[in-house]
Amino acid sequence: MHVRHITSRRSRRPECGNLFDVPHHFFSVTACDEAFYVHAIENLCLVKFQGDMEALGQRYWCDWDETVESYKELTNCTYLVAEELKCYWPNQFVDEFFIGVHKFYFRNCSLSGRSPKDPPNNILGPMIVVPIIVTLLMTVLVVWRSKRSEGIV
């Protein structure tokens, strides 16, 4: 594997935190160095995402409207680091990385992105009462029909 030392240039790519804002020393390799890639996304991308999420507050972690920009930046950052290090994207390490992010930040979130709540009482009440009334009416109807048919025979 051929390795050469390079210094990244300044760029207007804010998605990745400090990766492109200030000069950093990277090792450019002809094949992807998975360990270095994982280290880079954890120390460049995840650190910024953690800061964004902590600034947002745990109460809003499940609010997709509040977290979507930070999540997009995290995704873009992992892509840009992969591109810079000549790694394929997506890859197994990115998948494992995002599974870890989801397990930590989004484990208690519903699929719709909102915290699960009971519906309002004006909706919940009829959904409970109507089946109970129908069950009672059906029971009364069955008992009434069974008594009526006994008298006919």
N, C-alpha and C. Protein backbone atom coordinates (compact mmCIF):
# COMPACT_ATOMS: atom_id res chain seq x y z
N MET A 1 0.85 -1.17 0.00
CA MET A 1 0.00 0.00 0.00
C MET A 1 0.89 1.23 0.00
N HIS A 2 0.67 2.12 -0.93
CA HIS A 2 1.44 3.34 -1.05
C HIS A 2 0.82 4.42 -0.18
N VAL A 3 1.66 5.06 0.66
CA VAL A 3 1.16 6.11 1.55
C VAL A 3 1.97 7.37 1.31
N ARG A 4 1.28 8.50 1.19
CA ARG A 4 1.98 9.76 1.10
C ARG A 4 1.30 10.77 2.00
N HIS A 5 2.06 11.66 2.56
CA HIS A 5 1.56 12.66 3.49
C HIS A 5 1.05 13.86 2.69
N ILE A 6 -0.17 14.29 2.97
CA ILE A 6 -0.72 15.47 2.32
C ILE A 6 -1.35 16.38 3.36
N THR A 7 -1.55 17.60 2.99
CA THR A 7 -2.27 18.55 3.84
C THR A 7 -3.51 18.97 3.09
N SER A 8 -4.66 18.87 3.76
CA SER A 8 -5.90 19.25 3.09
C SER A 8 -5.93 20.75 2.87
N ARG A 9 -6.63 21.18 1.85
CA ARG A 9 -6.74 22.59 1.51
C ARG A 9 -8.01 23.18 2.12
N ARG A 10 -8.01 24.49 2.22
CA ARG A 10 -9.23 25.15 2.71
C ARG A 10 -10.32 25.02 1.65
N SER A 11 -11.55 24.89 2.13
CA SER A 11 -12.67 24.73 1.21
C SER A 11 -13.92 25.30 1.84
N ARG A 12 -14.96 25.48 1.05
CA ARG A 12 -16.24 25.96 1.56
C ARG A 12 -17.17 24.80 1.79
N ARG A 13 -16.77 23.80 2.51
CA ARG A 13 -17.60 22.63 2.80
C ARG A 13 -17.85 22.56 4.29
N PRO A 14 -18.84 23.30 4.80
CA PRO A 14 -19.07 23.37 6.24
C PRO A 14 -19.73 22.12 6.80
N GLU A 15 -20.16 21.19 5.96
CA GLU A 15 -20.92 20.04 6.44
C GLU A 15 -20.13 19.19 7.42
N CYS A 16 -18.83 19.26 7.36
CA CYS A 16 -18.01 18.31 8.09
C CYS A 16 -17.29 18.94 9.27
N GLY A 17 -17.84 19.96 9.82
CA GLY A 17 -17.20 20.57 10.97
C GLY A 17 -15.88 21.19 10.57
N ASN A 18 -14.83 20.85 11.27
CA ASN A 18 -13.52 21.44 11.04
C ASN A 18 -12.68 20.73 10.01
N LEU A 19 -13.20 19.70 9.37
CA LEU A 19 -12.40 18.91 8.45
C LEU A 19 -11.82 19.76 7.34
N PHE A 20 -12.59 20.66 6.76
CA PHE A 20 -12.12 21.45 5.63
C PHE A 20 -11.90 22.92 5.98
N ASP A 21 -12.19 23.32 7.21
CA ASP A 21 -12.05 24.72 7.59
C ASP A 21 -10.61 25.11 7.90
N VAL A 22 -9.86 24.21 8.47
CA VAL A 22 -8.48 24.49 8.82
C VAL A 22 -7.60 23.38 8.26
N PRO A 23 -6.34 23.67 8.02
CA PRO A 23 -5.47 22.62 7.49
C PRO A 23 -5.34 21.46 8.48
N HIS A 24 -5.47 20.25 7.97
CA HIS A 24 -5.30 19.03 8.74
C HIS A 24 -4.34 18.15 7.99
N HIS A 25 -3.65 17.33 8.70
CA HIS A 25 -2.74 16.39 8.06
C HIS A 25 -3.44 15.06 7.92
N PHE A 26 -3.47 14.55 6.71
CA PHE A 26 -4.07 13.25 6.42
C PHE A 26 -3.04 12.39 5.70
N PHE A 27 -3.29 11.14 5.71
CA PHE A 27 -2.48 10.24 4.92
C PHE A 27 -3.33 9.76 3.77
N SER A 28 -2.92 10.06 2.56
CA SER A 28 -3.65 9.60 1.39
C SER A 28 -3.11 8.23 1.03
N VAL A 29 -3.99 7.29 0.85
CA VAL A 29 -3.57 5.92 0.57
C VAL A 29 -4.27 5.44 -0.69
N THR A 30 -3.66 4.47 -1.33
CA THR A 30 -4.26 3.96 -2.56
C THR A 30 -5.44 3.06 -2.25
N ALA A 31 -5.51 2.47 -1.07
CA ALA A 31 -6.66 1.67 -0.64
C ALA A 31 -7.18 2.26 0.65
N CYS A 32 -8.44 2.04 0.92
CA CYS A 32 -9.07 2.61 2.11
C CYS A 32 -8.49 1.99 3.37
N ASP A 33 -8.06 2.82 4.28
CA ASP A 33 -7.60 2.36 5.59
C ASP A 33 -8.81 2.45 6.52
N GLU A 34 -9.47 1.31 6.74
CA GLU A 34 -10.72 1.29 7.48
C GLU A 34 -10.59 1.83 8.89
N ALA A 35 -9.51 1.46 9.57
CA ALA A 35 -9.32 1.92 10.95
C ALA A 35 -9.20 3.44 11.00
N PHE A 36 -8.45 4.00 10.06
CA PHE A 36 -8.28 5.45 10.02
C PHE A 36 -9.60 6.13 9.64
N TYR A 37 -10.35 5.51 8.74
CA TYR A 37 -11.65 6.06 8.33
C TYR A 37 -12.60 6.13 9.53
N VAL A 38 -12.70 5.04 10.27
CA VAL A 38 -13.57 5.00 11.46
C VAL A 38 -13.12 6.05 12.46
N HIS A 39 -11.81 6.13 12.69
CA HIS A 39 -11.27 7.12 13.61
C HIS A 39 -11.62 8.54 13.13
N ALA A 40 -11.50 8.78 11.84
CA ALA A 40 -11.77 10.11 11.29
C ALA A 40 -13.24 10.49 11.43
N ILE A 41 -14.16 9.58 11.10
CA ILE A 41 -15.57 9.97 11.20
C ILE A 41 -16.01 10.13 12.65
N GLU A 42 -15.39 9.37 13.55
CA GLU A 42 -15.74 9.54 14.96
C GLU A 42 -15.21 10.86 15.51
N ASN A 43 -14.01 11.25 15.11
CA ASN A 43 -13.40 12.45 15.67
C ASN A 43 -13.75 13.73 14.92
N LEU A 44 -14.20 13.62 13.69
CA LEU A 44 -14.56 14.82 12.93
C LEU A 44 -16.07 14.98 12.82
N CYS A 45 -16.73 13.94 12.39
CA CYS A 45 -18.18 14.05 12.13
C CYS A 45 -19.00 13.91 13.41
N LEU A 46 -18.69 12.87 14.17
CA LEU A 46 -19.50 12.58 15.35
C LEU A 46 -19.37 13.67 16.41
N VAL A 47 -18.20 14.22 16.56
CA VAL A 47 -18.00 15.27 17.57
C VAL A 47 -18.90 16.47 17.29
N LYS A 48 -18.98 16.88 16.03
CA LYS A 48 -19.86 18.00 15.67
C LYS A 48 -21.32 17.63 15.89
N PHE A 49 -21.71 16.43 15.49
CA PHE A 49 -23.09 15.98 15.68
C PHE A 49 -23.44 15.94 17.16
N GLN A 50 -22.53 15.43 17.98
CA GLN A 50 -22.78 15.39 19.42
C GLN A 50 -22.98 16.79 19.98
N GLY A 51 -22.18 17.72 19.53
CA GLY A 51 -22.33 19.11 19.97
C GLY A 51 -23.68 19.69 19.56
N ASP A 52 -24.06 19.41 18.32
CA ASP A 52 -25.36 19.89 17.84
C ASP A 52 -26.51 19.29 18.65
N MET A 53 -26.43 18.00 18.93
CA MET A 53 -27.51 17.33 19.66
C MET A 53 -27.56 17.80 21.11
N GLU A 54 -26.41 18.01 21.72
CA GLU A 54 -26.40 18.50 23.11
C GLU A 54 -26.95 19.92 23.17
N ALA A 55 -26.62 20.73 22.17
CA ALA A 55 -27.15 22.11 22.13
C ALA A 55 -28.67 22.09 21.94
N LEU A 56 -29.15 21.13 21.18
CA LEU A 56 -30.58 21.00 20.93
C LEU A 56 -31.32 20.55 22.19
N GLY A 57 -30.72 19.66 22.94
CA GLY A 57 -31.35 19.14 24.16
C GLY A 57 -32.06 17.82 23.90
N GLN A 58 -31.94 16.91 24.83
CA GLN A 58 -32.48 15.56 24.69
C GLN A 58 -33.98 15.56 24.43
N ARG A 59 -34.67 16.54 24.93
CA ARG A 59 -36.12 16.63 24.75
C ARG A 59 -36.52 16.67 23.27
N TYR A 60 -35.65 17.23 22.41
CA TYR A 60 -35.97 17.41 20.99
C TYR A 60 -35.27 16.39 20.08
N TRP A 61 -34.60 15.40 20.64
CA TRP A 61 -33.90 14.42 19.81
C TRP A 61 -34.85 13.67 18.88
N CYS A 62 -36.08 13.45 19.30
CA CYS A 62 -37.03 12.70 18.47
C CYS A 62 -37.83 13.59 17.54
N ASP A 63 -37.59 14.87 17.55
CA ASP A 63 -38.28 15.80 16.67
C ASP A 63 -37.48 15.93 15.37
N TRP A 64 -37.97 15.26 14.33
CA TRP A 64 -37.22 15.19 13.07
C TRP A 64 -36.97 16.58 12.50
N ASP A 65 -37.92 17.51 12.63
CA ASP A 65 -37.74 18.86 12.11
C ASP A 65 -36.55 19.56 12.76
N GLU A 66 -36.29 19.24 14.01
CA GLU A 66 -35.19 19.87 14.74
C GLU A 66 -33.84 19.20 14.45
N THR A 67 -33.84 17.91 14.16
CA THR A 67 -32.58 17.16 14.02
C THR A 67 -32.18 16.89 12.58
N VAL A 68 -33.05 17.16 11.62
CA VAL A 68 -32.77 16.77 10.24
C VAL A 68 -31.52 17.43 9.68
N GLU A 69 -31.30 18.70 9.97
CA GLU A 69 -30.11 19.38 9.42
C GLU A 69 -28.82 18.80 10.01
N SER A 70 -28.81 18.56 11.30
CA SER A 70 -27.62 17.97 11.93
C SER A 70 -27.37 16.57 11.38
N TYR A 71 -28.45 15.82 11.16
CA TYR A 71 -28.32 14.46 10.64
C TYR A 71 -27.81 14.47 9.20
N LYS A 72 -28.29 15.42 8.40
CA LYS A 72 -27.79 15.56 7.02
C LYS A 72 -26.31 15.92 7.03
N GLU A 73 -25.92 16.82 7.91
CA GLU A 73 -24.51 17.20 8.00
C GLU A 73 -23.64 16.02 8.41
N LEU A 74 -24.14 15.21 9.34
CA LEU A 74 -23.41 14.01 9.76
C LEU A 74 -23.25 13.06 8.59
N THR A 75 -24.32 12.83 7.84
CA THR A 75 -24.26 11.95 6.68
C THR A 75 -23.29 12.49 5.64
N ASN A 76 -23.39 13.78 5.33
CA ASN A 76 -22.49 14.39 4.35
C ASN A 76 -21.04 14.33 4.80
N CYS A 77 -20.83 14.51 6.08
CA CYS A 77 -19.47 14.46 6.62
C CYS A 77 -18.86 13.07 6.44
N THR A 78 -19.62 12.03 6.74
CA THR A 78 -19.09 10.66 6.55
C THR A 78 -18.77 10.42 5.08
N TYR A 79 -19.58 10.98 4.20
CA TYR A 79 -19.33 10.83 2.76
C TYR A 79 -18.06 11.57 2.35
N LEU A 80 -17.92 12.82 2.82
CA LEU A 80 -16.75 13.61 2.44
C LEU A 80 -15.46 13.00 2.98
N VAL A 81 -15.48 12.48 4.18
CA VAL A 81 -14.29 11.82 4.73
C VAL A 81 -13.97 10.58 3.91
N ALA A 82 -14.99 9.82 3.53
CA ALA A 82 -14.77 8.63 2.70
C ALA A 82 -14.16 9.03 1.36
N GLU A 83 -14.67 10.09 0.79
CA GLU A 83 -14.14 10.57 -0.49
C GLU A 83 -12.69 11.00 -0.36
N GLU A 84 -12.39 11.73 0.70
CA GLU A 84 -11.03 12.22 0.93
C GLU A 84 -10.05 11.07 1.16
N LEU A 85 -10.51 10.03 1.83
CA LEU A 85 -9.63 8.89 2.15
C LEU A 85 -9.73 7.77 1.11
N LYS A 86 -10.43 8.02 0.04
CA LYS A 86 -10.59 7.04 -1.05
C LYS A 86 -11.27 5.76 -0.59
N CYS A 87 -12.27 5.90 0.24
CA CYS A 87 -13.04 4.76 0.73
C CYS A 87 -14.39 4.73 0.00
N TYR A 88 -14.93 3.55 -0.16
CA TYR A 88 -16.27 3.44 -0.71
C TYR A 88 -17.27 3.97 0.31
N TRP A 89 -18.36 4.51 -0.20
CA TRP A 89 -19.42 5.00 0.67
C TRP A 89 -20.74 4.69 0.01
N PRO A 90 -21.72 4.15 0.66
CA PRO A 90 -21.69 3.65 2.05
C PRO A 90 -20.91 2.34 2.14
N ASN A 91 -20.54 2.02 3.34
CA ASN A 91 -19.80 0.79 3.58
C ASN A 91 -20.19 0.23 4.94
N GLN A 92 -19.61 -0.90 5.27
CA GLN A 92 -19.95 -1.58 6.52
C GLN A 92 -19.67 -0.70 7.74
N PHE A 93 -18.61 0.07 7.69
CA PHE A 93 -18.23 0.90 8.84
C PHE A 93 -19.21 2.06 9.02
N VAL A 94 -19.68 2.62 7.92
CA VAL A 94 -20.69 3.68 8.01
C VAL A 94 -21.99 3.11 8.56
N ASP A 95 -22.37 1.91 8.09
CA ASP A 95 -23.58 1.28 8.60
C ASP A 95 -23.49 1.07 10.11
N GLU A 96 -22.38 0.53 10.57
CA GLU A 96 -22.19 0.29 12.01
C GLU A 96 -22.16 1.61 12.78
N PHE A 97 -21.53 2.62 12.20
CA PHE A 97 -21.46 3.94 12.81
C PHE A 97 -22.87 4.51 13.01
N PHE A 98 -23.71 4.46 11.96
CA PHE A 98 -25.06 5.02 12.06
C PHE A 98 -25.96 4.17 12.96
N ILE A 99 -25.74 2.88 13.00
CA ILE A 99 -26.50 2.04 13.95
C ILE A 99 -26.19 2.49 15.37
N GLY A 100 -24.91 2.76 15.65
CA GLY A 100 -24.52 3.25 16.97
C GLY A 100 -25.15 4.61 17.27
N VAL A 101 -25.16 5.50 16.29
CA VAL A 101 -25.77 6.82 16.47
C VAL A 101 -27.26 6.67 16.77
N HIS A 102 -27.93 5.80 16.01
CA HIS A 102 -29.37 5.59 16.23
C HIS A 102 -29.64 4.95 17.58
N LYS A 103 -28.82 4.00 17.98
CA LYS A 103 -29.03 3.35 19.28
C LYS A 103 -28.88 4.34 20.43
N PHE A 104 -28.00 5.31 20.27
CA PHE A 104 -27.78 6.27 21.35
C PHE A 104 -28.80 7.41 21.32
N TYR A 105 -28.98 8.03 20.16
CA TYR A 105 -29.79 9.24 20.08
C TYR A 105 -31.27 9.00 19.78
N PHE A 106 -31.60 7.93 19.05
CA PHE A 106 -32.97 7.78 18.55
C PHE A 106 -33.63 6.49 19.01
N ARG A 107 -33.12 5.85 20.03
CA ARG A 107 -33.67 4.55 20.45
C ARG A 107 -35.09 4.65 20.99
N ASN A 108 -35.49 5.78 21.51
CA ASN A 108 -36.83 5.94 22.08
C ASN A 108 -37.79 6.68 21.16
N CYS A 109 -37.40 6.85 19.90
CA CYS A 109 -38.23 7.61 18.96
C CYS A 109 -39.12 6.66 18.16
N SER A 110 -40.32 7.14 17.83
CA SER A 110 -41.22 6.37 16.99
C SER A 110 -40.78 6.53 15.53
N LEU A 111 -41.32 5.71 14.65
CA LEU A 111 -40.94 5.76 13.25
C LEU A 111 -41.34 7.07 12.58
N SER A 112 -42.38 7.71 13.09
CA SER A 112 -42.82 8.96 12.48
C SER A 112 -41.97 10.14 12.92
N GLY A 113 -41.10 9.93 13.88
CA GLY A 113 -40.25 11.02 14.35
C GLY A 113 -40.85 11.83 15.47
N ARG A 114 -42.03 11.45 15.93
CA ARG A 114 -42.66 12.15 17.04
C ARG A 114 -42.72 11.23 18.24
N SER A 115 -42.71 11.79 19.40
CA SER A 115 -42.86 10.98 20.60
C SER A 115 -44.26 10.40 20.64
N PRO A 116 -44.39 9.12 20.95
CA PRO A 116 -45.73 8.52 21.00
C PRO A 116 -46.55 9.12 22.15
N LYS A 117 -47.80 9.46 21.86
CA LYS A 117 -48.69 10.03 22.85
C LYS A 117 -50.07 9.41 22.66
N ASP A 118 -50.88 9.44 23.71
CA ASP A 118 -52.27 9.02 23.59
C ASP A 118 -53.02 10.08 22.80
N PRO A 119 -54.03 9.64 22.03
CA PRO A 119 -54.85 10.64 21.33
C PRO A 119 -55.67 11.45 22.33
N PRO A 120 -56.21 12.58 21.92
CA PRO A 120 -57.02 13.37 22.83
C PRO A 120 -58.25 12.58 23.31
N ASN A 121 -58.76 12.96 24.46
CA ASN A 121 -59.90 12.24 25.06
C ASN A 121 -61.14 12.23 24.18
N ASN A 122 -61.37 13.27 23.40
CA ASN A 122 -62.56 13.29 22.54
C ASN A 122 -62.46 12.26 21.41
N ILE A 123 -61.28 11.77 21.12
CA ILE A 123 -61.10 10.69 20.14
C ILE A 123 -60.98 9.34 20.85
N LEU A 124 -60.20 9.31 21.92
CA LEU A 124 -59.97 8.07 22.65
C LEU A 124 -61.25 7.54 23.30
N GLY A 125 -62.07 8.42 23.88
CA GLY A 125 -63.30 8.00 24.55
C GLY A 125 -64.22 7.19 23.66
N PRO A 126 -64.62 7.72 22.50
CA PRO A 126 -65.49 6.93 21.62
C PRO A 126 -64.85 5.62 21.14
N MET A 127 -63.54 5.61 20.96
CA MET A 127 -62.88 4.38 20.52
C MET A 127 -62.95 3.28 21.58
N ILE A 128 -63.11 3.68 22.83
CA ILE A 128 -63.25 2.71 23.92
C ILE A 128 -64.73 2.38 24.16
N VAL A 129 -65.58 3.39 24.20
CA VAL A 129 -66.99 3.22 24.57
C VAL A 129 -67.79 2.50 23.49
N VAL A 130 -67.59 2.84 22.23
CA VAL A 130 -68.39 2.25 21.14
C VAL A 130 -68.25 0.72 21.10
N PRO A 131 -67.06 0.13 21.13
CA PRO A 131 -66.98 -1.33 21.11
C PRO A 131 -67.64 -1.98 22.34
N ILE A 132 -67.55 -1.33 23.50
CA ILE A 132 -68.19 -1.88 24.69
C ILE A 132 -69.71 -1.89 24.51
N ILE A 133 -70.29 -0.79 24.02
CA ILE A 133 -71.73 -0.72 23.81
C ILE A 133 -72.18 -1.74 22.76
N VAL A 134 -71.43 -1.86 21.67
CA VAL A 134 -71.78 -2.83 20.63
C VAL A 134 -71.75 -4.24 21.19
N THR A 135 -70.74 -4.56 21.99
CA THR A 135 -70.65 -5.89 22.61
C THR A 135 -71.86 -6.16 23.51
N LEU A 136 -72.22 -5.20 24.33
CA LEU A 136 -73.38 -5.36 25.21
C LEU A 136 -74.67 -5.52 24.41
N LEU A 137 -74.85 -4.70 23.37
CA LEU A 137 -76.06 -4.81 22.54
C LEU A 137 -76.13 -6.17 21.84
N MET A 138 -75.02 -6.65 21.34
CA MET A 138 -75.01 -7.96 20.67
C MET A 138 -75.35 -9.07 21.67
N THR A 139 -74.84 -8.96 22.90
CA THR A 139 -75.15 -9.96 23.93
C THR A 139 -76.65 -9.95 24.23
N VAL A 140 -77.24 -8.76 24.40
CA VAL A 140 -78.67 -8.64 24.67
C VAL A 140 -79.47 -9.22 23.50
N LEU A 141 -79.06 -8.92 22.28
CA LEU A 141 -79.76 -9.44 21.09
C LEU A 141 -79.70 -10.96 21.02
N VAL A 142 -78.56 -11.55 21.29
CA VAL A 142 -78.42 -13.01 21.26
C VAL A 142 -79.29 -13.65 22.34
N VAL A 143 -79.28 -13.10 23.56
CA VAL A 143 -80.10 -13.66 24.65
C VAL A 143 -81.58 -13.51 24.30
N TRP A 144 -81.98 -12.35 23.81
CA TRP A 144 -83.38 -12.13 23.45
C TRP A 144 -83.83 -13.09 22.35
N ARG A 145 -83.00 -13.30 21.29
CA ARG A 145 -83.36 -14.21 20.20
C ARG A 145 -83.41 -15.64 20.69
N SER A 146 -82.52 -16.02 21.59
CA SER A 146 -82.51 -17.41 22.07
C SER A 146 -83.76 -17.70 22.91
N LYS A 147 -84.23 -16.74 23.70
CA LYS A 147 -85.44 -16.94 24.50
C LYS A 147 -86.67 -16.97 23.60
N ARG A 148 -86.69 -16.18 22.59
CA ARG A 148 -87.82 -16.11 21.67
C ARG A 148 -87.96 -17.41 20.88
N SER A 149 -86.84 -18.00 20.45
CA SER A 149 -86.92 -19.22 19.66
C SER A 149 -87.34 -20.40 20.52
N GLU A 150 -87.09 -20.37 21.82
CA GLU A 150 -87.51 -21.46 22.72
C GLU A 150 -89.04 -21.55 22.78
N GLY A 151 -89.71 -20.44 22.73
CA GLY A 151 -91.16 -20.43 22.81
C GLY A 151 -91.83 -20.90 21.54
N ILE A 152 -91.15 -20.81 20.40
CA ILE A 152 -91.75 -21.20 19.13
C ILE A 152 -91.78 -22.72 18.99
N VAL A 153 -90.84 -23.43 19.48
CA VAL A 153 -90.78 -24.88 19.31
C VAL A 153 -91.74 -25.59 20.16
